[in-house]
Amino acid sequence: MSVATPATPVPAPGTEAPAAPSPAGPTPAELLEFVRTTAADADLVATLPLDPENRTWVQLEGPGGSEAWLIGWPPGTGTGWHDHGGSQGAFATAAGTLREDSLAVRLPTEGWRTLELEDGVDRYRALSAGDGRAFGRHHVHQVINESGAEHAVSVHAYYPPLPLMRRYSRTGPLLRLEEVERPEDWQ
């Protein structure tokens, strides 16, 4: 990976990395256990209102002060490339199948707008009902429901609660920081 711009790291406004998670919070493995157990709760999953065109979500109470969400994914919807503002997390599919595209490289959290990614950093996986994964503080990914006909439902948990999310665009090997969202943007 090489930094295309700027040559000298200068934090982009509002993108400063938050402090490291408190050791007292849940671990990624504990978050994964929570999302898998919650995704298996058919009665809870059935309470999520599903919209035919837009993602829907309900905030849940996560373990140990974490933030958790139950999310519905209409056919063909996705998140776009993003990170979790320095939070660690996990997600599990409760219904349908989700595709996760991720980057197997640690990106700098400050001082860049555009990065050129090296070959071989892309990772892909399909997560069907019951499948889940945990991730660390520097995870960049996108999640997509590739089905043309079926909704997918998933459970996500983050610790510490999301301080921000950075959204990226991707054209070939170029990853560009597009915007920074704060909790008030999605709650």
N, C-alpha and C. Protein backbone atom coordinates (compact mmCIF):
# COMPACT_ATOMS: atom_id res chain seq x y z
N MET A 1 0.86 -1.17 0.00
CA MET A 1 0.00 0.00 0.00
C MET A 1 0.90 1.22 0.00
N SER A 2 0.55 2.17 -0.82
CA SER A 2 1.30 3.41 -0.82
C SER A 2 0.33 4.57 -0.72
N VAL A 3 0.74 5.59 -0.02
CA VAL A 3 -0.12 6.76 0.16
C VAL A 3 0.05 7.65 -1.06
N ALA A 4 -1.08 7.95 -1.73
CA ALA A 4 -1.03 8.78 -2.91
C ALA A 4 -1.08 10.26 -2.55
N THR A 5 -1.98 10.65 -1.63
CA THR A 5 -2.07 12.04 -1.18
C THR A 5 -2.55 12.04 0.25
N PRO A 6 -2.21 12.93 1.09
CA PRO A 6 -1.10 13.85 0.96
C PRO A 6 0.22 13.16 1.26
N ALA A 7 1.33 13.79 0.89
CA ALA A 7 2.64 13.20 1.15
C ALA A 7 3.00 13.28 2.62
N THR A 8 2.63 14.37 3.26
CA THR A 8 2.87 14.54 4.69
C THR A 8 1.54 14.34 5.41
N PRO A 9 1.47 13.34 6.32
CA PRO A 9 0.19 13.09 6.99
C PRO A 9 -0.33 14.30 7.76
N VAL A 10 -1.54 14.70 7.40
CA VAL A 10 -2.27 15.75 8.10
C VAL A 10 -3.66 15.20 8.32
N PRO A 11 -4.15 15.16 9.56
CA PRO A 11 -5.47 14.58 9.79
C PRO A 11 -6.55 15.27 8.98
N ALA A 12 -7.35 14.48 8.29
CA ALA A 12 -8.53 15.03 7.63
C ALA A 12 -9.50 15.46 8.72
N PRO A 13 -10.20 16.54 8.54
CA PRO A 13 -11.10 17.03 9.59
C PRO A 13 -12.09 15.95 10.03
N GLY A 14 -12.17 15.75 11.33
CA GLY A 14 -13.14 14.82 11.90
C GLY A 14 -12.78 13.35 11.79
N THR A 15 -11.55 13.01 11.36
CA THR A 15 -11.20 11.61 11.18
C THR A 15 -10.20 11.11 12.21
N GLU A 16 -9.93 11.90 13.22
CA GLU A 16 -8.96 11.49 14.21
C GLU A 16 -9.39 10.17 14.85
N ALA A 17 -8.44 9.29 15.06
CA ALA A 17 -8.74 7.99 15.65
C ALA A 17 -9.14 8.14 17.11
N PRO A 18 -10.19 7.45 17.54
CA PRO A 18 -10.57 7.49 18.94
C PRO A 18 -9.58 6.70 19.79
N ALA A 19 -9.69 6.85 21.07
CA ALA A 19 -8.83 6.11 21.99
C ALA A 19 -9.08 4.61 21.85
N ALA A 20 -8.09 3.82 22.22
CA ALA A 20 -8.22 2.36 22.17
C ALA A 20 -9.35 1.90 23.10
N PRO A 21 -10.02 0.79 22.72
CA PRO A 21 -11.10 0.29 23.58
C PRO A 21 -10.59 -0.03 24.98
N SER A 22 -11.46 0.15 25.94
CA SER A 22 -11.13 -0.17 27.32
C SER A 22 -10.97 -1.67 27.48
N PRO A 23 -9.95 -2.13 28.21
CA PRO A 23 -9.79 -3.56 28.40
C PRO A 23 -10.96 -4.17 29.17
N ALA A 24 -11.78 -3.35 29.82
CA ALA A 24 -12.92 -3.87 30.58
C ALA A 24 -14.09 -4.25 29.68
N GLY A 25 -14.08 -3.83 28.42
CA GLY A 25 -15.19 -4.11 27.51
C GLY A 25 -15.11 -5.52 26.96
N PRO A 26 -16.17 -5.91 26.24
CA PRO A 26 -16.18 -7.25 25.65
C PRO A 26 -15.13 -7.41 24.56
N THR A 27 -14.61 -8.60 24.43
CA THR A 27 -13.62 -8.91 23.39
C THR A 27 -14.36 -9.20 22.08
N PRO A 28 -13.64 -9.20 20.96
CA PRO A 28 -14.29 -9.59 19.71
C PRO A 28 -14.93 -10.99 19.79
N ALA A 29 -14.29 -11.91 20.48
CA ALA A 29 -14.88 -13.26 20.64
C ALA A 29 -16.19 -13.21 21.42
N GLU A 30 -16.25 -12.36 22.45
CA GLU A 30 -17.50 -12.22 23.21
C GLU A 30 -18.58 -11.54 22.38
N LEU A 31 -18.20 -10.57 21.57
CA LEU A 31 -19.17 -9.94 20.68
C LEU A 31 -19.69 -10.95 19.66
N LEU A 32 -18.81 -11.81 19.15
CA LEU A 32 -19.22 -12.83 18.20
C LEU A 32 -20.20 -13.80 18.84
N GLU A 33 -19.93 -14.20 20.05
CA GLU A 33 -20.85 -15.09 20.78
C GLU A 33 -22.23 -14.42 20.90
N PHE A 34 -22.24 -13.14 21.25
CA PHE A 34 -23.50 -12.41 21.39
C PHE A 34 -24.26 -12.35 20.07
N VAL A 35 -23.59 -11.97 18.97
CA VAL A 35 -24.31 -11.82 17.70
C VAL A 35 -24.81 -13.16 17.19
N ARG A 36 -24.05 -14.22 17.40
CA ARG A 36 -24.51 -15.54 16.96
C ARG A 36 -25.73 -15.98 17.76
N THR A 37 -25.69 -15.80 19.07
CA THR A 37 -26.82 -16.17 19.92
C THR A 37 -28.06 -15.35 19.57
N THR A 38 -27.87 -14.05 19.38
CA THR A 38 -28.98 -13.17 19.05
C THR A 38 -29.55 -13.50 17.67
N ALA A 39 -28.69 -13.78 16.70
CA ALA A 39 -29.15 -14.12 15.35
C ALA A 39 -29.96 -15.42 15.34
N ALA A 40 -29.72 -16.28 16.30
CA ALA A 40 -30.45 -17.55 16.39
C ALA A 40 -31.81 -17.39 17.07
N ASP A 41 -32.11 -16.21 17.60
CA ASP A 41 -33.39 -15.95 18.28
C ASP A 41 -34.45 -15.60 17.22
N ALA A 42 -35.14 -16.61 16.72
CA ALA A 42 -36.12 -16.42 15.63
C ALA A 42 -37.22 -15.45 16.01
N ASP A 43 -37.65 -15.45 17.28
CA ASP A 43 -38.71 -14.54 17.69
C ASP A 43 -38.25 -13.08 17.59
N LEU A 44 -37.02 -12.80 18.03
CA LEU A 44 -36.48 -11.44 17.93
C LEU A 44 -36.32 -11.04 16.47
N VAL A 45 -35.74 -11.90 15.67
CA VAL A 45 -35.50 -11.60 14.26
C VAL A 45 -36.82 -11.30 13.55
N ALA A 46 -37.88 -12.01 13.91
CA ALA A 46 -39.19 -11.81 13.29
C ALA A 46 -39.81 -10.45 13.62
N THR A 47 -39.32 -9.77 14.66
CA THR A 47 -39.87 -8.45 15.02
C THR A 47 -39.35 -7.33 14.14
N LEU A 48 -38.30 -7.58 13.37
CA LEU A 48 -37.71 -6.52 12.55
C LEU A 48 -38.62 -6.22 11.36
N PRO A 49 -39.07 -4.97 11.24
CA PRO A 49 -39.86 -4.61 10.06
C PRO A 49 -38.96 -4.60 8.83
N LEU A 50 -39.42 -5.22 7.75
CA LEU A 50 -38.63 -5.28 6.52
C LEU A 50 -39.24 -4.37 5.47
N ASP A 51 -38.40 -3.57 4.85
CA ASP A 51 -38.82 -2.65 3.79
C ASP A 51 -38.36 -3.26 2.47
N PRO A 52 -39.18 -3.23 1.42
CA PRO A 52 -38.78 -3.85 0.16
C PRO A 52 -37.62 -3.15 -0.55
N GLU A 53 -37.32 -1.90 -0.18
CA GLU A 53 -36.29 -1.17 -0.91
C GLU A 53 -35.13 -0.65 -0.06
N ASN A 54 -35.37 -0.43 1.23
CA ASN A 54 -34.34 0.18 2.07
C ASN A 54 -33.99 -0.70 3.26
N ARG A 55 -32.73 -0.58 3.70
CA ARG A 55 -32.34 -1.31 4.90
C ARG A 55 -33.12 -0.77 6.10
N THR A 56 -33.43 -1.65 7.01
CA THR A 56 -34.10 -1.27 8.26
C THR A 56 -33.23 -1.75 9.41
N TRP A 57 -33.39 -1.12 10.57
CA TRP A 57 -32.60 -1.53 11.72
C TRP A 57 -33.30 -1.17 13.01
N VAL A 58 -32.94 -1.93 14.03
CA VAL A 58 -33.41 -1.71 15.38
C VAL A 58 -32.19 -1.83 16.28
N GLN A 59 -32.00 -0.85 17.15
CA GLN A 59 -30.88 -0.92 18.08
C GLN A 59 -31.21 -1.88 19.20
N LEU A 60 -30.23 -2.69 19.59
CA LEU A 60 -30.37 -3.68 20.65
C LEU A 60 -29.43 -3.32 21.79
N GLU A 61 -29.65 -3.93 22.92
CA GLU A 61 -28.72 -3.76 24.04
C GLU A 61 -27.63 -4.81 23.91
N GLY A 62 -26.41 -4.34 23.71
CA GLY A 62 -25.28 -5.25 23.55
C GLY A 62 -24.63 -5.56 24.89
N PRO A 63 -23.76 -6.55 24.93
CA PRO A 63 -23.11 -6.95 26.18
C PRO A 63 -22.02 -5.96 26.61
N GLY A 64 -21.89 -5.77 27.90
CA GLY A 64 -20.78 -5.00 28.46
C GLY A 64 -20.62 -3.60 27.94
N GLY A 65 -21.72 -2.91 27.65
CA GLY A 65 -21.64 -1.54 27.18
C GLY A 65 -21.43 -1.42 25.68
N SER A 66 -21.54 -2.52 24.96
CA SER A 66 -21.37 -2.46 23.51
C SER A 66 -22.65 -1.96 22.85
N GLU A 67 -22.53 -1.58 21.61
CA GLU A 67 -23.65 -1.14 20.78
C GLU A 67 -24.02 -2.30 19.87
N ALA A 68 -25.31 -2.57 19.70
CA ALA A 68 -25.73 -3.69 18.86
C ALA A 68 -26.93 -3.29 18.00
N TRP A 69 -27.03 -3.93 16.84
CA TRP A 69 -28.08 -3.62 15.87
C TRP A 69 -28.60 -4.90 15.22
N LEU A 70 -29.89 -4.95 14.98
CA LEU A 70 -30.54 -5.96 14.15
C LEU A 70 -30.85 -5.24 12.84
N ILE A 71 -30.35 -5.76 11.71
CA ILE A 71 -30.44 -5.06 10.43
C ILE A 71 -31.09 -5.93 9.38
N GLY A 72 -32.05 -5.34 8.63
CA GLY A 72 -32.68 -6.01 7.50
C GLY A 72 -32.12 -5.48 6.20
N TRP A 73 -31.85 -6.39 5.27
CA TRP A 73 -31.20 -6.08 4.01
C TRP A 73 -32.11 -6.52 2.85
N PRO A 74 -32.79 -5.60 2.17
CA PRO A 74 -33.55 -5.99 0.99
C PRO A 74 -32.60 -6.54 -0.10
N PRO A 75 -33.14 -7.26 -1.06
CA PRO A 75 -32.31 -7.77 -2.15
C PRO A 75 -31.52 -6.63 -2.82
N GLY A 76 -30.23 -6.89 -3.05
CA GLY A 76 -29.39 -5.94 -3.76
C GLY A 76 -28.85 -4.77 -2.97
N THR A 77 -29.09 -4.71 -1.67
CA THR A 77 -28.60 -3.57 -0.88
C THR A 77 -27.26 -3.89 -0.22
N GLY A 78 -26.55 -2.83 0.15
CA GLY A 78 -25.26 -3.00 0.80
C GLY A 78 -24.86 -1.74 1.53
N THR A 79 -23.74 -1.82 2.21
CA THR A 79 -23.26 -0.70 3.03
C THR A 79 -22.34 0.24 2.30
N GLY A 80 -21.66 -0.21 1.26
CA GLY A 80 -20.54 0.53 0.72
C GLY A 80 -19.33 0.33 1.64
N TRP A 81 -18.16 0.71 1.17
CA TRP A 81 -16.93 0.55 1.95
C TRP A 81 -16.96 1.48 3.15
N HIS A 82 -16.59 0.96 4.33
CA HIS A 82 -16.58 1.77 5.55
C HIS A 82 -15.71 1.12 6.60
N ASP A 83 -15.41 1.87 7.66
CA ASP A 83 -14.79 1.31 8.85
C ASP A 83 -15.67 1.66 10.04
N HIS A 84 -15.23 1.33 11.23
CA HIS A 84 -16.05 1.50 12.43
C HIS A 84 -15.43 2.46 13.43
N GLY A 85 -14.65 3.39 12.95
CA GLY A 85 -14.12 4.46 13.78
C GLY A 85 -13.25 4.01 14.94
N GLY A 86 -12.58 2.88 14.79
CA GLY A 86 -11.72 2.38 15.86
C GLY A 86 -12.38 1.39 16.80
N SER A 87 -13.63 1.06 16.58
CA SER A 87 -14.31 0.06 17.41
C SER A 87 -14.03 -1.33 16.85
N GLN A 88 -13.97 -2.31 17.74
CA GLN A 88 -13.91 -3.71 17.32
C GLN A 88 -15.34 -4.22 17.23
N GLY A 89 -15.56 -5.32 16.56
CA GLY A 89 -16.94 -5.76 16.43
C GLY A 89 -17.10 -7.17 15.93
N ALA A 90 -18.35 -7.50 15.65
CA ALA A 90 -18.72 -8.81 15.11
C ALA A 90 -20.08 -8.69 14.47
N PHE A 91 -20.35 -9.56 13.50
CA PHE A 91 -21.70 -9.66 12.97
C PHE A 91 -21.98 -11.09 12.58
N ALA A 92 -23.27 -11.43 12.59
CA ALA A 92 -23.72 -12.77 12.22
C ALA A 92 -24.99 -12.65 11.40
N THR A 93 -25.14 -13.53 10.43
CA THR A 93 -26.31 -13.55 9.58
C THR A 93 -27.39 -14.39 10.24
N ALA A 94 -28.60 -13.83 10.32
CA ALA A 94 -29.74 -14.53 10.92
C ALA A 94 -30.62 -15.17 9.85
N ALA A 95 -30.69 -14.55 8.67
CA ALA A 95 -31.50 -15.07 7.57
C ALA A 95 -30.87 -14.63 6.26
N GLY A 96 -30.99 -15.46 5.24
CA GLY A 96 -30.42 -15.14 3.94
C GLY A 96 -28.92 -15.33 3.93
N THR A 97 -28.27 -14.67 2.98
CA THR A 97 -26.81 -14.74 2.85
C THR A 97 -26.28 -13.34 2.57
N LEU A 98 -25.22 -12.97 3.27
CA LEU A 98 -24.55 -11.70 3.04
C LEU A 98 -23.14 -11.96 2.54
N ARG A 99 -22.67 -11.09 1.67
CA ARG A 99 -21.29 -11.16 1.19
C ARG A 99 -20.52 -10.04 1.89
N GLU A 100 -19.35 -10.40 2.40
CA GLU A 100 -18.47 -9.39 2.97
C GLU A 100 -17.22 -9.29 2.11
N ASP A 101 -16.92 -8.08 1.65
CA ASP A 101 -15.66 -7.78 0.98
C ASP A 101 -14.84 -7.00 2.00
N SER A 102 -13.62 -7.42 2.25
CA SER A 102 -12.79 -6.72 3.23
C SER A 102 -11.38 -6.56 2.70
N LEU A 103 -10.60 -5.76 3.39
CA LEU A 103 -9.22 -5.51 3.03
C LEU A 103 -8.31 -6.13 4.08
N ALA A 104 -7.38 -6.96 3.63
CA ALA A 104 -6.43 -7.61 4.53
C ALA A 104 -5.19 -6.74 4.64
N VAL A 105 -5.40 -5.52 5.13
CA VAL A 105 -4.30 -4.59 5.32
C VAL A 105 -4.77 -3.58 6.37
N ARG A 106 -3.87 -3.15 7.19
CA ARG A 106 -4.21 -2.12 8.18
C ARG A 106 -4.01 -0.75 7.54
N LEU A 107 -5.09 0.00 7.45
CA LEU A 107 -5.02 1.33 6.86
C LEU A 107 -4.67 2.36 7.93
N PRO A 108 -3.97 3.40 7.55
CA PRO A 108 -3.76 4.49 8.51
C PRO A 108 -5.11 5.13 8.82
N THR A 109 -5.31 5.59 10.03
CA THR A 109 -6.59 6.19 10.40
C THR A 109 -6.59 7.69 10.22
N GLU A 110 -5.44 8.27 9.98
CA GLU A 110 -5.35 9.73 9.85
C GLU A 110 -4.43 10.09 8.70
N GLY A 111 -4.63 11.31 8.19
CA GLY A 111 -3.66 11.90 7.31
C GLY A 111 -3.73 11.49 5.85
N TRP A 112 -4.84 11.00 5.40
CA TRP A 112 -4.93 10.63 3.99
C TRP A 112 -6.34 10.84 3.46
N ARG A 113 -6.44 11.03 2.19
CA ARG A 113 -7.74 11.11 1.50
C ARG A 113 -7.85 10.02 0.46
N THR A 114 -6.70 9.65 -0.17
CA THR A 114 -6.70 8.62 -1.20
C THR A 114 -5.53 7.69 -0.98
N LEU A 115 -5.79 6.38 -1.06
CA LEU A 115 -4.74 5.37 -0.95
C LEU A 115 -4.77 4.48 -2.18
N GLU A 116 -3.60 4.08 -2.63
CA GLU A 116 -3.53 3.07 -3.67
C GLU A 116 -3.22 1.75 -3.00
N LEU A 117 -4.13 0.80 -3.14
CA LEU A 117 -4.00 -0.51 -2.50
C LEU A 117 -3.16 -1.44 -3.37
N GLU A 118 -2.35 -2.25 -2.73
CA GLU A 118 -1.54 -3.22 -3.46
C GLU A 118 -2.40 -4.42 -3.84
N ASP A 119 -1.94 -5.18 -4.82
CA ASP A 119 -2.62 -6.41 -5.22
C ASP A 119 -2.63 -7.39 -4.05
N GLY A 120 -3.67 -8.20 -3.98
CA GLY A 120 -3.72 -9.27 -2.98
C GLY A 120 -4.30 -8.90 -1.64
N VAL A 121 -4.82 -7.68 -1.47
CA VAL A 121 -5.37 -7.29 -0.17
C VAL A 121 -6.87 -7.56 -0.04
N ASP A 122 -7.52 -7.89 -1.16
CA ASP A 122 -8.97 -8.11 -1.12
C ASP A 122 -9.32 -9.51 -0.60
N ARG A 123 -10.32 -9.56 0.26
CA ARG A 123 -10.84 -10.81 0.80
C ARG A 123 -12.35 -10.82 0.62
N TYR A 124 -12.91 -11.97 0.29
CA TYR A 124 -14.34 -12.12 0.08
C TYR A 124 -14.82 -13.32 0.87
N ARG A 125 -16.03 -13.22 1.43
CA ARG A 125 -16.64 -14.37 2.09
C ARG A 125 -18.15 -14.23 2.04
N ALA A 126 -18.81 -15.35 1.99
CA ALA A 126 -20.28 -15.39 2.07
C ALA A 126 -20.64 -15.90 3.45
N LEU A 127 -21.58 -15.22 4.10
CA LEU A 127 -22.03 -15.61 5.42
C LEU A 127 -23.52 -15.93 5.34
N SER A 128 -23.85 -17.21 5.43
CA SER A 128 -25.24 -17.67 5.42
C SER A 128 -25.78 -17.67 6.84
N ALA A 129 -27.08 -17.93 6.97
CA ALA A 129 -27.71 -17.95 8.30
C ALA A 129 -26.90 -18.81 9.26
N GLY A 130 -26.57 -18.24 10.41
CA GLY A 130 -25.77 -18.92 11.43
C GLY A 130 -24.29 -18.60 11.37
N ASP A 131 -23.81 -18.08 10.24
CA ASP A 131 -22.39 -17.73 10.10
C ASP A 131 -22.13 -16.35 10.67
N GLY A 132 -20.95 -16.17 11.24
CA GLY A 132 -20.58 -14.87 11.78
C GLY A 132 -19.09 -14.67 11.71
N ARG A 133 -18.67 -13.47 12.02
CA ARG A 133 -17.24 -13.16 12.08
C ARG A 133 -16.99 -11.98 13.00
N ALA A 134 -15.84 -12.01 13.62
CA ALA A 134 -15.40 -10.92 14.50
C ALA A 134 -14.28 -10.17 13.78
N PHE A 135 -14.07 -8.91 14.18
CA PHE A 135 -13.02 -8.12 13.56
C PHE A 135 -12.46 -7.12 14.56
N GLY A 136 -11.25 -6.67 14.27
CA GLY A 136 -10.56 -5.74 15.14
C GLY A 136 -10.82 -4.28 14.80
N ARG A 137 -10.07 -3.42 15.44
CA ARG A 137 -10.29 -1.96 15.39
C ARG A 137 -10.03 -1.32 14.03
N HIS A 138 -9.29 -1.97 13.16
CA HIS A 138 -8.88 -1.33 11.90
C HIS A 138 -9.54 -1.97 10.69
N HIS A 139 -10.68 -2.60 10.88
CA HIS A 139 -11.34 -3.35 9.81
C HIS A 139 -12.07 -2.43 8.84
N VAL A 140 -11.79 -2.60 7.55
CA VAL A 140 -12.48 -1.86 6.49
C VAL A 140 -13.17 -2.90 5.62
N HIS A 141 -14.49 -2.70 5.40
CA HIS A 141 -15.22 -3.69 4.61
C HIS A 141 -16.48 -3.08 4.02
N GLN A 142 -17.15 -3.90 3.21
CA GLN A 142 -18.51 -3.60 2.77
C GLN A 142 -19.29 -4.90 2.88
N VAL A 143 -20.58 -4.78 3.15
CA VAL A 143 -21.46 -5.93 3.30
C VAL A 143 -22.60 -5.75 2.30
N ILE A 144 -22.94 -6.84 1.59
CA ILE A 144 -23.91 -6.77 0.50
C ILE A 144 -24.84 -7.98 0.55
N ASN A 145 -26.13 -7.74 0.32
CA ASN A 145 -27.09 -8.81 0.06
C ASN A 145 -27.16 -8.95 -1.45
N GLU A 146 -26.50 -9.96 -2.00
CA GLU A 146 -26.45 -10.14 -3.44
C GLU A 146 -27.70 -10.82 -4.01
N SER A 147 -28.57 -11.30 -3.16
CA SER A 147 -29.77 -11.97 -3.64
C SER A 147 -30.63 -11.02 -4.47
N GLY A 148 -31.23 -11.54 -5.49
CA GLY A 148 -32.16 -10.75 -6.28
C GLY A 148 -33.58 -10.86 -5.78
N ALA A 149 -33.83 -11.75 -4.80
CA ALA A 149 -35.21 -12.00 -4.38
C ALA A 149 -35.44 -12.06 -2.87
N GLU A 150 -34.42 -12.37 -2.09
CA GLU A 150 -34.61 -12.61 -0.65
C GLU A 150 -33.99 -11.53 0.22
N HIS A 151 -34.71 -11.17 1.27
CA HIS A 151 -34.15 -10.32 2.32
C HIS A 151 -33.09 -11.12 3.08
N ALA A 152 -32.14 -10.42 3.64
CA ALA A 152 -31.21 -11.00 4.61
C ALA A 152 -31.39 -10.21 5.90
N VAL A 153 -31.07 -10.84 7.01
CA VAL A 153 -31.13 -10.18 8.32
C VAL A 153 -29.85 -10.53 9.05
N SER A 154 -29.29 -9.56 9.76
CA SER A 154 -28.05 -9.80 10.51
C SER A 154 -28.06 -9.05 11.82
N VAL A 155 -27.16 -9.45 12.71
CA VAL A 155 -26.97 -8.81 14.01
C VAL A 155 -25.52 -8.35 14.08
N HIS A 156 -25.31 -7.10 14.52
CA HIS A 156 -23.98 -6.49 14.59
C HIS A 156 -23.77 -5.95 16.00
N ALA A 157 -22.53 -6.02 16.50
CA ALA A 157 -22.19 -5.45 17.80
C ALA A 157 -20.80 -4.82 17.72
N TYR A 158 -20.64 -3.69 18.42
CA TYR A 158 -19.39 -2.93 18.38
C TYR A 158 -19.02 -2.46 19.79
N TYR A 159 -17.71 -2.51 20.07
CA TYR A 159 -17.22 -1.96 21.32
C TYR A 159 -15.89 -1.26 21.05
N PRO A 160 -15.73 -0.05 21.55
CA PRO A 160 -16.76 0.75 22.21
C PRO A 160 -17.85 1.11 21.21
N PRO A 161 -18.99 1.62 21.72
CA PRO A 161 -20.04 2.05 20.79
C PRO A 161 -19.44 2.96 19.71
N LEU A 162 -19.95 2.85 18.51
CA LEU A 162 -19.37 3.55 17.36
C LEU A 162 -19.24 5.05 17.59
N PRO A 163 -18.00 5.57 17.63
CA PRO A 163 -17.80 7.01 17.77
C PRO A 163 -17.99 7.72 16.43
N LEU A 164 -17.76 6.97 15.34
CA LEU A 164 -17.90 7.49 13.98
C LEU A 164 -17.76 6.33 13.02
N MET A 165 -18.13 6.57 11.78
CA MET A 165 -17.87 5.63 10.69
C MET A 165 -17.31 6.44 9.53
N ARG A 166 -16.22 5.96 8.97
CA ARG A 166 -15.65 6.58 7.79
C ARG A 166 -16.17 5.84 6.58
N ARG A 167 -16.66 6.57 5.59
CA ARG A 167 -17.18 5.97 4.36
C ARG A 167 -16.20 6.24 3.23
N TYR A 168 -15.99 5.20 2.41
CA TYR A 168 -15.00 5.25 1.34
C TYR A 168 -15.65 4.93 0.00
N SER A 169 -15.03 5.41 -1.08
CA SER A 169 -15.37 4.95 -2.42
C SER A 169 -14.17 4.15 -2.92
N ARG A 170 -14.43 3.28 -3.86
CA ARG A 170 -13.34 2.44 -4.38
C ARG A 170 -13.45 2.35 -5.89
N THR A 171 -12.37 2.66 -6.56
CA THR A 171 -12.25 2.50 -8.00
C THR A 171 -10.96 1.74 -8.25
N GLY A 172 -11.09 0.45 -8.61
CA GLY A 172 -9.90 -0.38 -8.80
C GLY A 172 -9.08 -0.39 -7.53
N PRO A 173 -7.79 -0.06 -7.63
CA PRO A 173 -6.95 -0.09 -6.43
C PRO A 173 -7.03 1.18 -5.58
N LEU A 174 -7.79 2.18 -6.03
CA LEU A 174 -7.85 3.45 -5.29
C LEU A 174 -9.00 3.47 -4.30
N LEU A 175 -8.68 3.71 -3.05
CA LEU A 175 -9.65 3.84 -1.97
C LEU A 175 -9.63 5.30 -1.54
N ARG A 176 -10.80 5.93 -1.54
CA ARG A 176 -10.86 7.36 -1.23
C ARG A 176 -11.81 7.60 -0.07
N LEU A 177 -11.36 8.36 0.93
CA LEU A 177 -12.21 8.77 2.04
C LEU A 177 -13.22 9.78 1.51
N GLU A 178 -14.52 9.48 1.67
CA GLU A 178 -15.58 10.34 1.14
C GLU A 178 -16.27 11.16 2.22
N GLU A 179 -16.57 10.53 3.37
CA GLU A 179 -17.27 11.26 4.43
C GLU A 179 -17.08 10.56 5.76
N VAL A 180 -17.35 11.31 6.80
CA VAL A 180 -17.31 10.79 8.16
C VAL A 180 -18.69 10.98 8.77
N GLU A 181 -19.30 9.88 9.23
CA GLU A 181 -20.62 9.94 9.86
C GLU A 181 -20.45 9.82 11.36
N ARG A 182 -21.31 10.49 12.07
CA ARG A 182 -21.36 10.43 13.54
C ARG A 182 -22.63 9.71 13.95
N PRO A 183 -22.73 9.24 15.19
CA PRO A 183 -23.92 8.50 15.64
C PRO A 183 -25.25 9.22 15.36
N GLU A 184 -25.27 10.53 15.49
CA GLU A 184 -26.52 11.25 15.23
C GLU A 184 -26.99 11.11 13.78
N ASP A 185 -26.09 10.71 12.87
CA ASP A 185 -26.45 10.53 11.47
C ASP A 185 -27.24 9.25 11.22
N TRP A 186 -27.11 8.25 12.11
CA TRP A 186 -27.80 6.98 11.85
C TRP A 186 -28.75 6.56 12.97
N GLN A 187 -28.85 7.30 14.03
CA GLN A 187 -29.75 6.90 15.13
C GLN A 187 -31.06 7.63 15.04
